Amino acid sequence: MKILFLGDVMGRAGRAAVRDNLPRLRDEWRLDFVVVNGENASNGMGLSGDHAKLILDAGADCVTLGDHAFDQKDMMQFIQSEPRVIRPINYAHGDVPGKGFRVFEARGGRKILVAQALGQVFMKRPYDDPFSAVDQVLRSHPRGGMVQASIIDIHCEATSEKMGMGHFCDGRASLVVGTHTHVPTADTQILPGGTAFQADAGMCGDYNSVIGMEKTEPMRRFVSGMPKSRFTPALGEATLSGVYVETDDRTGQATRIEMVRQGGRLSQSGP
């Protein structure tokens, strides 16, 4: 399969970049399956139902969320009726709306697992153990068996925790990719067990910013320690950031991985 994973969509600029470019990329790269992390798409704070529809209509097969999963209150209801939106598997105990993983049908009837987990290191809330949650899902959905490919979105601050998840899943997942920090890492690789890995996919947003936010207020707080106004997403031309992966249907192993940067300010890359 040919798979595209795009990192955190950031505000209006990120939504516009996905809307304007993803349909073209699906055709040009002959993509079989697309995952987009959309948790900052609505003014940098969560994802609304309308904006989730925009991302799905642009060509995403699955939208993952994160620690801001339910900042937009209508997502509590929307996720119940839209199974293509995935929230973190270890978000909370009890009756949480939505699902943390799902098996999708890709082009040609092939099965692909998508799961998301929240990390624990430097995160504001003590989320449940992501490793045991992911382990349970991968054990019950072996790649090359029940599913032809599997994707793990590990949403957390620490690159060390993301790397740990990559090695933990090596030989069992097709792709482990980090989200949340909005900066693409340069460690794109295929691990020894055939799992593609990148510690952070980066964001789909304006990089003339502070991780997607207009620069003035974050810089004021860094310099003076005093807030003056709310953070607002930067509105310049966005770069689509993510990772492109090819997998072997028989084994579920990754056979190719490439960094993706399309449009905007960053140096361009792709398959």
C-alpha atoms as a PDB file:
ATOM      1  CA  MET A   1       0.000   0.000   0.000  1.00  0.00           C
ATOM      2  CA  LYS A   2       0.951   3.618  -0.515  1.00  0.00           C
ATOM      3  CA  ILE A   3       0.155   5.530   2.660  1.00  0.00           C
ATOM      4  CA  LEU A   4       0.330   9.235   3.506  1.00  0.00           C
ATOM      5  CA  PHE A   5       0.271  10.497   7.080  1.00  0.00           C
ATOM      6  CA  LEU A   6      -0.026  14.262   7.632  1.00  0.00           C
ATOM      7  CA  GLY A   7       0.832  15.918  10.942  1.00  0.00           C
ATOM      8  CA  ASP A   8      -1.245  18.251  13.090  1.00  0.00           C
ATOM      9  CA  VAL A   9      -3.466  20.546  11.014  1.00  0.00           C
ATOM     10  CA  MET A  10      -3.070  24.024  12.499  1.00  0.00           C
ATOM     11  CA  GLY A  11      -5.902  26.533  12.153  1.00  0.00           C
ATOM     12  CA  ARG A  12      -7.288  28.075   8.989  1.00  0.00           C
ATOM     13  CA  ALA A  13      -3.955  27.998   7.141  1.00  0.00           C
ATOM     14  CA  GLY A  14      -3.560  24.276   7.742  1.00  0.00           C
ATOM     15  CA  ARG A  15      -7.136  23.520   6.731  1.00  0.00           C
ATOM     16  CA  ALA A  16      -6.719  25.479   3.498  1.00  0.00           C
ATOM     17  CA  ALA A  17      -3.497  23.622   2.663  1.00  0.00           C
ATOM     18  CA  VAL A  18      -5.171  20.237   3.164  1.00  0.00           C
ATOM     19  CA  ARG A  19      -8.250  21.270   1.188  1.00  0.00           C
ATOM     20  CA  ASP A  20      -6.233  22.678  -1.717  1.00  0.00           C
ATOM     21  CA  ASN A  21      -3.469  20.071  -1.963  1.00  0.00           C
ATOM     22  CA  LEU A  22      -4.562  16.689  -0.657  1.00  0.00           C
ATOM     23  CA  PRO A  23      -6.845  15.817  -3.608  1.00  0.00           C
ATOM     24  CA  ARG A  24      -3.954  16.453  -5.997  1.00  0.00           C
ATOM     25  CA  LEU A  25      -1.488  14.434  -3.916  1.00  0.00           C
ATOM     26  CA  ARG A  26      -3.886  11.482  -3.741  1.00  0.00           C
ATOM     27  CA  ASP A  27      -3.952  11.364  -7.518  1.00  0.00           C
ATOM     28  CA  GLU A  28      -0.301  12.163  -8.253  1.00  0.00           C
ATOM     29  CA  TRP A  29       1.103   9.743  -5.677  1.00  0.00           C
ATOM     30  CA  ARG A  30      -1.620   7.114  -6.237  1.00  0.00           C
ATOM     31  CA  LEU A  31      -2.295   6.913  -2.531  1.00  0.00           C
ATOM     32  CA  ASP A  32      -4.220   3.978  -1.125  1.00  0.00           C
ATOM     33  CA  PHE A  33      -4.821   5.434   2.337  1.00  0.00           C
ATOM     34  CA  VAL A  34      -4.451   8.831   4.017  1.00  0.00           C
ATOM     35  CA  VAL A  35      -4.397   9.666   7.733  1.00  0.00           C
ATOM     36  CA  VAL A  36      -4.491  13.286   8.939  1.00  0.00           C
ATOM     37  CA  ASN A  37      -4.025  14.452  12.513  1.00  0.00           C
ATOM     38  CA  GLY A  38      -6.611  17.210  12.863  1.00  0.00           C
ATOM     39  CA  GLU A  39      -6.578  18.094  16.531  1.00  0.00           C
ATOM     40  CA  ASN A  40      -5.581  21.770  16.119  1.00  0.00           C
ATOM     41  CA  ALA A  41      -7.577  22.483  12.975  1.00  0.00           C
ATOM     42  CA  SER A  42     -10.232  24.627  14.678  1.00  0.00           C
ATOM     43  CA  ASN A  43      -8.493  27.867  15.680  1.00  0.00           C
ATOM     44  CA  GLY A  44      -5.586  25.876  17.104  1.00  0.00           C
ATOM     45  CA  MET A  45      -7.783  24.298  19.779  1.00  0.00           C
ATOM     46  CA  GLY A  46      -9.313  20.940  18.922  1.00  0.00           C
ATOM     47  CA  LEU A  47     -11.418  19.944  15.935  1.00  0.00           C
ATOM     48  CA  SER A  48     -15.033  20.807  15.162  1.00  0.00           C
ATOM     49  CA  GLY A  49     -17.385  18.553  13.264  1.00  0.00           C
ATOM     50  CA  ASP A  50     -17.495  20.930  10.296  1.00  0.00           C
ATOM     51  CA  HIS A  51     -13.726  21.067  10.046  1.00  0.00           C
ATOM     52  CA  ALA A  52     -13.490  17.282  10.374  1.00  0.00           C
ATOM     53  CA  LYS A  53     -15.862  17.008   7.392  1.00  0.00           C
ATOM     54  CA  LEU A  54     -13.645  19.395   5.411  1.00  0.00           C
ATOM     55  CA  ILE A  55     -10.567  17.223   6.013  1.00  0.00           C
ATOM     56  CA  LEU A  56     -12.443  14.019   5.179  1.00  0.00           C
ATOM     57  CA  ASP A  57     -13.974  15.552   2.041  1.00  0.00           C
ATOM     58  CA  ALA A  58     -10.485  16.627   0.927  1.00  0.00           C
ATOM     59  CA  GLY A  59      -9.407  12.987   0.801  1.00  0.00           C
ATOM     60  CA  ALA A  60      -8.495  11.801   4.305  1.00  0.00           C
ATOM     61  CA  ASP A  61      -9.607   8.253   5.094  1.00  0.00           C
ATOM     62  CA  CYS A  62      -9.033   8.744   8.820  1.00  0.00           C
ATOM     63  CA  VAL A  63      -8.600  11.759  11.121  1.00  0.00           C
ATOM     64  CA  THR A  64      -6.799  11.336  14.433  1.00  0.00           C
ATOM     65  CA  LEU A  65      -7.114  13.699  17.398  1.00  0.00           C
ATOM     66  CA  GLY A  66      -4.949  14.117  20.538  1.00  0.00           C
ATOM     67  CA  ASP A  67      -4.924  15.781  23.948  1.00  0.00           C
ATOM     68  CA  HIS A  68      -7.206  18.529  22.564  1.00  0.00           C
ATOM     69  CA  ALA A  69      -9.652  15.906  21.286  1.00  0.00           C
ATOM     70  CA  PHE A  70     -12.751  17.444  22.847  1.00  0.00           C
ATOM     71  CA  ASP A  71     -11.829  21.128  23.114  1.00  0.00           C
ATOM     72  CA  GLN A  72     -14.554  21.735  20.530  1.00  0.00           C
ATOM     73  CA  LYS A  73     -17.604  20.482  22.374  1.00  0.00           C
ATOM     74  CA  ASP A  74     -19.512  19.340  19.304  1.00  0.00           C
ATOM     75  CA  MET A  75     -16.833  16.685  18.755  1.00  0.00           C
ATOM     76  CA  MET A  76     -18.316  14.790  21.711  1.00  0.00           C
ATOM     77  CA  GLN A  77     -21.377  14.054  19.559  1.00  0.00           C
ATOM     78  CA  PHE A  78     -19.759  14.119  16.108  1.00  0.00           C
ATOM     79  CA  ILE A  79     -17.277  11.362  16.885  1.00  0.00           C
ATOM     80  CA  GLN A  80     -20.136   9.043  17.854  1.00  0.00           C
ATOM     81  CA  SER A  81     -21.588   9.200  14.335  1.00  0.00           C
ATOM     82  CA  GLU A  82     -18.342   9.485  12.328  1.00  0.00           C
ATOM     83  CA  PRO A  83     -16.175   6.365  12.763  1.00  0.00           C
ATOM     84  CA  ARG A  84     -13.430   7.806  10.565  1.00  0.00           C
ATOM     85  CA  VAL A  85     -12.416  10.112  13.456  1.00  0.00           C
ATOM     86  CA  ILE A  86     -10.172   8.401  16.036  1.00  0.00           C
ATOM     87  CA  ARG A  87      -9.468   9.732  19.531  1.00  0.00           C
ATOM     88  CA  PRO A  88      -6.570   8.523  21.716  1.00  0.00           C
ATOM     89  CA  ILE A  89      -7.049   4.995  22.994  1.00  0.00           C
ATOM     90  CA  ASN A  90      -5.830   5.921  26.507  1.00  0.00           C
ATOM     91  CA  TYR A  91      -7.559   9.310  26.799  1.00  0.00           C
ATOM     92  CA  ALA A  92      -9.460   8.520  30.002  1.00  0.00           C
ATOM     93  CA  HIS A  93     -11.226   5.838  32.004  1.00  0.00           C
ATOM     94  CA  GLY A  94     -14.937   5.237  31.743  1.00  0.00           C
ATOM     95  CA  ASP A  95     -17.425   6.132  29.056  1.00  0.00           C
ATOM     96  CA  VAL A  96     -15.422   8.228  26.580  1.00  0.00           C
ATOM     97  CA  PRO A  97     -17.022   9.048  23.212  1.00  0.00           C
ATOM     98  CA  GLY A  98     -15.528   7.492  20.113  1.00  0.00           C
ATOM     99  CA  LYS A  99     -12.901   4.817  19.599  1.00  0.00           C
ATOM    100  CA  GLY A 100      -9.133   4.781  19.978  1.00  0.00           C
ATOM    101  CA  PHE A 101      -8.538   2.441  17.049  1.00  0.00           C
ATOM    102  CA  ARG A 102     -10.334   1.070  14.020  1.00  0.00           C
ATOM    103  CA  VAL A 103      -9.723  -1.299  11.120  1.00  0.00           C
ATOM    104  CA  PHE A 104     -10.405   0.507   7.839  1.00  0.00           C
ATOM    105  CA  GLU A 105     -10.798  -0.795   4.327  1.00  0.00           C
ATOM    106  CA  ALA A 106      -8.269   0.671   1.914  1.00  0.00           C
ATOM    107  CA  ARG A 107      -8.297   0.551  -1.880  1.00  0.00           C
ATOM    108  CA  GLY A 108      -8.698  -2.975  -3.205  1.00  0.00           C
ATOM    109  CA  GLY A 109     -10.381  -4.219  -0.043  1.00  0.00           C
ATOM    110  CA  ARG A 110      -7.165  -4.351   1.968  1.00  0.00           C
ATOM    111  CA  LYS A 111      -7.446  -3.914   5.730  1.00  0.00           C
ATOM    112  CA  ILE A 112      -5.485  -1.280   7.629  1.00  0.00           C
ATOM    113  CA  LEU A 113      -5.441  -0.654  11.380  1.00  0.00           C
ATOM    114  CA  VAL A 114      -5.131   2.898  12.727  1.00  0.00           C
ATOM    115  CA  ALA A 115      -4.647   3.521  16.434  1.00  0.00           C
ATOM    116  CA  GLN A 116      -3.620   6.554  18.454  1.00  0.00           C
ATOM    117  CA  ALA A 117      -2.171   6.845  21.945  1.00  0.00           C
ATOM    118  CA  LEU A 118      -1.214   9.770  24.164  1.00  0.00           C
ATOM    119  CA  GLY A 119       2.209   9.832  25.795  1.00  0.00           C
ATOM    120  CA  GLN A 120       2.836  10.515  29.461  1.00  0.00           C
ATOM    121  CA  VAL A 121       6.168  12.380  29.597  1.00  0.00           C
ATOM    122  CA  PHE A 122       5.758  16.183  30.068  1.00  0.00           C
ATOM    123  CA  MET A 123       2.020  15.955  29.358  1.00  0.00           C
ATOM    124  CA  LYS A 124      -0.378  17.952  31.528  1.00  0.00           C
ATOM    125  CA  ARG A 125      -2.594  15.013  32.468  1.00  0.00           C
ATOM    126  CA  PRO A 126      -1.559  11.558  33.733  1.00  0.00           C
ATOM    127  CA  TYR A 127      -2.953   9.548  30.845  1.00  0.00           C
ATOM    128  CA  ASP A 128      -3.121   5.763  31.063  1.00  0.00           C
ATOM    129  CA  ASP A 129      -0.076   3.738  29.987  1.00  0.00           C
ATOM    130  CA  PRO A 130       0.148   4.039  26.179  1.00  0.00           C
ATOM    131  CA  PHE A 131       2.432   1.030  25.767  1.00  0.00           C
ATOM    132  CA  SER A 132       0.078  -1.536  27.265  1.00  0.00           C
ATOM    133  CA  ALA A 133      -2.858  -0.032  25.337  1.00  0.00           C
ATOM    134  CA  VAL A 134      -1.014  -0.218  22.005  1.00  0.00           C
ATOM    135  CA  ASP A 135       0.333  -3.678  22.810  1.00  0.00           C
ATOM    136  CA  GLN A 136      -3.181  -5.044  23.271  1.00  0.00           C
ATOM    137  CA  VAL A 137      -4.349  -3.644  19.928  1.00  0.00           C
ATOM    138  CA  LEU A 138      -1.338  -4.928  17.988  1.00  0.00           C
ATOM    139  CA  ARG A 139      -1.591  -8.394  19.529  1.00  0.00           C
ATOM    140  CA  SER A 140      -5.194  -8.681  18.391  1.00  0.00           C
ATOM    141  CA  HIS A 141      -4.506  -7.273  14.893  1.00  0.00           C
ATOM    142  CA  PRO A 142      -1.272  -8.854  13.580  1.00  0.00           C
ATOM    143  CA  ARG A 143       0.117  -7.174  10.478  1.00  0.00           C
ATOM    144  CA  GLY A 144       0.267  -9.413   7.453  1.00  0.00           C
ATOM    145  CA  GLY A 145      -2.517 -11.470   9.024  1.00  0.00           C
ATOM    146  CA  MET A 146      -5.735  -9.834  10.188  1.00  0.00           C
ATOM    147  CA  VAL A 147      -4.609  -6.541   8.611  1.00  0.00           C
ATOM    148  CA  GLN A 148      -2.337  -5.794   5.676  1.00  0.00           C
ATOM    149  CA  ALA A 149      -0.890  -2.700   7.400  1.00  0.00           C
ATOM    150  CA  SER A 150      -1.065  -0.927  10.756  1.00  0.00           C
ATOM    151  CA  ILE A 151      -0.412   2.671  11.777  1.00  0.00           C
ATOM    152  CA  ILE A 152       0.265   3.967  15.294  1.00  0.00           C
ATOM    153  CA  ASP A 153      -0.004   7.730  15.926  1.00  0.00           C
ATOM    154  CA  ILE A 154       1.857   8.456  19.182  1.00  0.00           C
ATOM    155  CA  HIS A 155       0.819  11.920  20.331  1.00  0.00           C
ATOM    156  CA  CYS A 156       3.217  13.280  22.939  1.00  0.00           C
ATOM    157  CA  GLU A 157       5.887  15.830  23.857  1.00  0.00           C
ATOM    158  CA  ALA A 158       9.052  13.775  24.342  1.00  0.00           C
ATOM    159  CA  THR A 159      10.930  12.446  21.318  1.00  0.00           C
ATOM    160  CA  SER A 160      12.419   9.791  23.604  1.00  0.00           C
ATOM    161  CA  GLU A 161       8.960   8.428  24.407  1.00  0.00           C
ATOM    162  CA  LYS A 162       8.065   8.426  20.711  1.00  0.00           C
ATOM    163  CA  MET A 163      11.288   6.577  19.887  1.00  0.00           C
ATOM    164  CA  GLY A 164      10.504   4.119  22.659  1.00  0.00           C
ATOM    165  CA  MET A 165       7.097   3.468  21.108  1.00  0.00           C
ATOM    166  CA  GLY A 166       8.707   2.957  17.704  1.00  0.00           C
ATOM    167  CA  HIS A 167      11.042   0.273  19.022  1.00  0.00           C
ATOM    168  CA  PHE A 168       8.257  -1.242  21.148  1.00  0.00           C
ATOM    169  CA  CYS A 169       6.135  -1.694  18.002  1.00  0.00           C
ATOM    170  CA  ASP A 170       8.981  -2.700  15.670  1.00  0.00           C
ATOM    171  CA  GLY A 171       8.090  -5.885  13.841  1.00  0.00           C
ATOM    172  CA  ARG A 172       4.399  -5.480  14.700  1.00  0.00           C
ATOM    173  CA  ALA A 173       3.297  -2.132  13.189  1.00  0.00           C
ATOM    174  CA  SER A 174       3.871  -0.881   9.657  1.00  0.00           C
ATOM    175  CA  LEU A 175       4.297   2.768  10.728  1.00  0.00           C
ATOM    176  CA  VAL A 176       4.816   4.498  14.055  1.00  0.00           C
ATOM    177  CA  VAL A 177       4.733   8.283  13.732  1.00  0.00           C
ATOM    178  CA  GLY A 178       4.715  11.016  16.336  1.00  0.00           C
ATOM    179  CA  THR A 179       2.474  14.064  16.466  1.00  0.00           C
ATOM    180  CA  HIS A 180       1.863  16.984  18.862  1.00  0.00           C
ATOM    181  CA  THR A 181       5.060  19.068  18.811  1.00  0.00           C
ATOM    182  CA  HIS A 182       4.467  20.594  15.325  1.00  0.00           C
ATOM    183  CA  VAL A 183       8.119  20.341  14.236  1.00  0.00           C
ATOM    184  CA  PRO A 184       9.174  17.614  11.764  1.00  0.00           C
ATOM    185  CA  THR A 185      12.090  15.490  12.918  1.00  0.00           C
ATOM    186  CA  ALA A 186      14.873  14.291  10.617  1.00  0.00           C
ATOM    187  CA  ASP A 187      14.947  10.666  11.803  1.00  0.00           C
ATOM    188  CA  THR A 188      12.832   9.071   9.063  1.00  0.00           C
ATOM    189  CA  GLN A 189      13.817   5.394   8.902  1.00  0.00           C
ATOM    190  CA  ILE A 190      12.726   1.782   8.685  1.00  0.00           C
ATOM    191  CA  LEU A 191      13.529  -0.008  11.942  1.00  0.00           C
ATOM    192  CA  PRO A 192      15.134  -3.509  11.929  1.00  0.00           C
ATOM    193  CA  GLY A 193      11.769  -5.291  12.214  1.00  0.00           C
ATOM    194  CA  GLY A 194      10.293  -3.512   9.207  1.00  0.00           C
ATOM    195  CA  THR A 195       8.430  -0.709  10.994  1.00  0.00           C
ATOM    196  CA  ALA A 196       8.645   2.742   9.425  1.00  0.00           C
ATOM    197  CA  PHE A 197       9.281   5.501  11.967  1.00  0.00           C
ATOM    198  CA  GLN A 198       9.476   9.269  12.317  1.00  0.00           C
ATOM    199  CA  ALA A 199       9.487  10.851  15.779  1.00  0.00           C
ATOM    200  CA  ASP A 200       7.304  13.771  14.685  1.00  0.00           C
ATOM    201  CA  ALA A 201       5.472  14.366  11.424  1.00  0.00           C
ATOM    202  CA  GLY A 202       5.420  18.135  11.931  1.00  0.00           C
ATOM    203  CA  MET A 203       2.353  20.279  11.324  1.00  0.00           C
ATOM    204  CA  CYS A 204       0.228  21.363   8.420  1.00  0.00           C
ATOM    205  CA  GLY A 205       0.477  25.057   9.161  1.00  0.00           C
ATOM    206  CA  ASP A 206       2.348  28.332   8.695  1.00  0.00           C
ATOM    207  CA  TYR A 207       5.967  27.859   9.797  1.00  0.00           C
ATOM    208  CA  ASN A 208       6.541  31.633   9.988  1.00  0.00           C
ATOM    209  CA  SER A 209       5.232  31.286  13.520  1.00  0.00           C
ATOM    210  CA  VAL A 210       5.870  29.735  16.919  1.00  0.00           C
ATOM    211  CA  ILE A 211       4.654  26.141  16.375  1.00  0.00           C
ATOM    212  CA  GLY A 212       1.785  27.481  14.303  1.00  0.00           C
ATOM    213  CA  MET A 213       0.805  30.434  16.473  1.00  0.00           C
ATOM    214  CA  GLU A 214       1.235  34.065  15.409  1.00  0.00           C
ATOM    215  CA  LYS A 215       4.635  35.085  16.798  1.00  0.00           C
ATOM    216  CA  THR A 216       3.933  38.242  18.816  1.00  0.00           C
ATOM    217  CA  GLU A 217       2.199  36.816  21.879  1.00  0.00           C
ATOM    218  CA  PRO A 218       4.406  33.724  22.383  1.00  0.00           C
ATOM    219  CA  MET A 219       7.537  35.892  22.047  1.00  0.00           C
ATOM    220  CA  ARG A 220       6.153  38.443  24.527  1.00  0.00           C
ATOM    221  CA  ARG A 221       5.580  35.690  27.070  1.00  0.00           C
ATOM    222  CA  PHE A 222       9.044  34.223  26.533  1.00  0.00           C
ATOM    223  CA  VAL A 223      10.710  37.612  26.995  1.00  0.00           C
ATOM    224  CA  SER A 224       8.573  39.194  29.721  1.00  0.00           C
ATOM    225  CA  GLY A 225       6.783  36.270  31.320  1.00  0.00           C
ATOM    226  CA  MET A 226       3.550  38.252  31.071  1.00  0.00           C
ATOM    227  CA  PRO A 227       0.574  37.338  28.866  1.00  0.00           C
ATOM    228  CA  LYS A 228      -1.297  40.125  27.108  1.00  0.00           C
ATOM    229  CA  SER A 229      -3.656  38.347  24.728  1.00  0.00           C
ATOM    230  CA  ARG A 230      -4.685  34.906  23.557  1.00  0.00           C
ATOM    231  CA  PHE A 231      -2.621  32.860  21.146  1.00  0.00           C
ATOM    232  CA  THR A 232      -3.963  32.962  17.578  1.00  0.00           C
ATOM    233  CA  PRO A 233      -2.959  30.701  14.669  1.00  0.00           C
ATOM    234  CA  ALA A 234      -0.653  32.192  12.031  1.00  0.00           C
ATOM    235  CA  LEU A 235      -2.370  32.740   8.689  1.00  0.00           C
ATOM    236  CA  GLY A 236       0.447  32.635   6.135  1.00  0.00           C
ATOM    237  CA  GLU A 237       0.898  29.920   3.512  1.00  0.00           C
ATOM    238  CA  ALA A 238       1.079  26.536   5.174  1.00  0.00           C
ATOM    239  CA  THR A 239       3.437  23.632   4.593  1.00  0.00           C
ATOM    240  CA  LEU A 240       1.890  20.171   4.506  1.00  0.00           C
ATOM    241  CA  SER A 241       4.220  18.087   6.695  1.00  0.00           C
ATOM    242  CA  GLY A 242       4.125  14.360   7.171  1.00  0.00           C
ATOM    243  CA  VAL A 243       5.452  11.043   5.990  1.00  0.00           C
ATOM    244  CA  TYR A 244       4.922   8.784   2.969  1.00  0.00           C
ATOM    245  CA  VAL A 245       5.208   5.029   3.433  1.00  0.00           C
ATOM    246  CA  GLU A 246       4.950   1.999   1.157  1.00  0.00           C
ATOM    247  CA  THR A 247       4.150  -1.395   2.667  1.00  0.00           C
ATOM    248  CA  ASP A 248       4.179  -5.036   1.610  1.00  0.00           C
ATOM    249  CA  ASP A 249       0.630  -6.466   1.725  1.00  0.00           C
ATOM    250  CA  ARG A 250       1.862  -9.973   2.507  1.00  0.00           C
ATOM    251  CA  THR A 251       3.983  -9.106   5.549  1.00  0.00           C
ATOM    252  CA  GLY A 252       2.800  -5.629   6.538  1.00  0.00           C
ATOM    253  CA  GLN A 253       6.419  -4.480   6.585  1.00  0.00           C
ATOM    254  CA  ALA A 254       7.378  -1.011   5.392  1.00  0.00           C
ATOM    255  CA  THR A 255       9.462  -1.075   2.229  1.00  0.00           C
ATOM    256  CA  ARG A 256       9.916   2.680   1.785  1.00  0.00           C
ATOM    257  CA  ILE A 257       9.560   5.855   3.851  1.00  0.00           C
ATOM    258  CA  GLU A 258      10.002   9.478   2.796  1.00  0.00           C
ATOM    259  CA  MET A 259       9.556  12.779   4.609  1.00  0.00           C
ATOM    260  CA  VAL A 260       6.790  14.942   3.145  1.00  0.00           C
ATOM    261  CA  ARG A 261       6.934  18.743   3.010  1.00  0.00           C
ATOM    262  CA  GLN A 262       4.740  20.395   0.397  1.00  0.00           C
ATOM    263  CA  GLY A 263       4.173  24.137  -0.079  1.00  0.00           C
ATOM    264  CA  GLY A 264       4.898  26.979   2.304  1.00  0.00           C
ATOM    265  CA  ARG A 265       8.316  27.921   3.703  1.00  0.00           C
ATOM    266  CA  LEU A 266      10.060  24.624   4.419  1.00  0.00           C
ATOM    267  CA  SER A 267      12.357  22.883   1.960  1.00  0.00           C
ATOM    268  CA  GLN A 268      10.258  20.617  -0.228  1.00  0.00           C
ATOM    269  CA  SER A 269      10.286  16.831  -0.102  1.00  0.00           C
ATOM    270  CA  GLY A 270       8.131  13.856  -0.998  1.00  0.00           C
ATOM    271  CA  PRO A 271       8.144  10.568  -2.871  1.00  0.00           C
END
